[in-house]
């Protein structure tokens, strides 16, 4: 959902970030986190870190938007 349309036109988006958290298959904790524009980019960075796809059970994405009022 694009929340920027819900905000008054007098505010300005100053920062936006997407963070992906990879949760381990065996220990159920965050084993890797990364800032990325897409899930595919995050998965590529996860693989580049030397971990196989099978190490992750879940991937959680958070999005943060900061506005200047």
Protein backbone atom coordinates (compact mmCIF):
# COMPACT_ATOMS: atom_id res chain seq x y z
CA UNK A 1 0.00 0.00 0.00
CA UNK A 2 1.37 3.41 -0.96
CA UNK A 3 0.92 5.45 2.21
CA UNK A 4 2.37 8.59 0.64
CA UNK A 5 -1.05 9.29 -0.91
CA UNK A 6 -2.61 9.26 2.58
CA UNK A 7 -0.38 12.08 3.87
CA UNK A 8 -1.13 15.77 3.44
CA UNK A 9 0.56 17.43 0.46
CA UNK A 10 2.39 19.83 2.84
CA UNK A 11 4.84 17.14 3.99
CA UNK A 12 7.88 15.84 2.13
CA UNK A 13 9.28 12.32 2.09
CA UNK A 14 12.94 12.66 3.13
CA UNK A 15 13.99 9.05 3.63
CA UNK A 16 12.68 5.62 2.71
CA UNK A 17 14.24 2.27 3.47
CA UNK A 18 13.42 -1.41 3.08
CA UNK A 19 15.14 -3.86 5.38
CA UNK A 20 14.98 -7.61 5.05
CA UNK A 21 15.57 -10.00 7.96
CA UNK A 22 16.43 -13.63 7.26
CA UNK A 23 15.32 -15.98 10.05
CA UNK A 24 17.30 -19.19 10.50
CA UNK A 25 15.79 -22.58 9.78
CA UNK A 26 17.38 -24.32 12.78
CA UNK A 27 17.66 -21.65 15.47
CA UNK A 28 14.76 -19.33 14.57
CA UNK A 29 16.70 -16.09 15.04
CA UNK A 30 17.87 -13.34 12.69
CA UNK A 31 20.85 -14.76 10.84
CA UNK A 32 21.20 -11.93 8.29
CA UNK A 33 19.72 -8.47 7.75
CA UNK A 34 20.20 -6.16 4.80
CA UNK A 35 18.94 -2.93 3.25
CA UNK A 36 17.70 -3.61 -0.28
CA UNK A 37 15.20 -2.21 -2.78
CA UNK A 38 13.62 -5.60 -3.50
CA UNK A 39 13.33 -9.13 -2.20
CA UNK A 40 15.43 -10.40 -5.11
CA UNK A 41 18.24 -7.96 -4.30
CA UNK A 42 18.10 -9.01 -0.63
CA UNK A 43 18.30 -12.70 -1.59
CA UNK A 44 21.28 -12.00 -3.86
CA UNK A 45 23.07 -10.26 -0.97
CA UNK A 46 22.19 -13.17 1.34
CA UNK A 47 23.73 -15.64 -1.12
CA UNK A 48 26.78 -13.40 -1.60
CA UNK A 49 27.37 -13.56 2.16
CA UNK A 50 28.14 -17.25 1.72
CA UNK A 51 24.91 -18.69 3.09
CA UNK A 52 22.79 -21.13 1.08
CA UNK A 53 19.07 -20.40 0.56
CA UNK A 54 18.27 -23.43 2.73
CA UNK A 55 19.64 -21.64 5.85
CA UNK A 56 16.61 -19.29 5.92
CA UNK A 57 13.14 -20.38 6.98
CA UNK A 58 11.46 -16.94 6.83
CA UNK A 59 12.25 -13.55 5.33
CA UNK A 60 10.67 -10.51 7.00
CA UNK A 61 10.50 -7.14 5.21
CA UNK A 62 10.06 -3.83 7.02
CA UNK A 63 9.57 -0.47 5.34
CA UNK A 64 10.25 2.88 6.97
CA UNK A 65 9.31 6.27 5.57
CA UNK A 66 10.38 9.52 7.23
CA UNK A 67 8.59 12.76 6.36
CA UNK A 68 9.48 16.38 6.95
CA UNK A 69 6.35 18.06 8.33
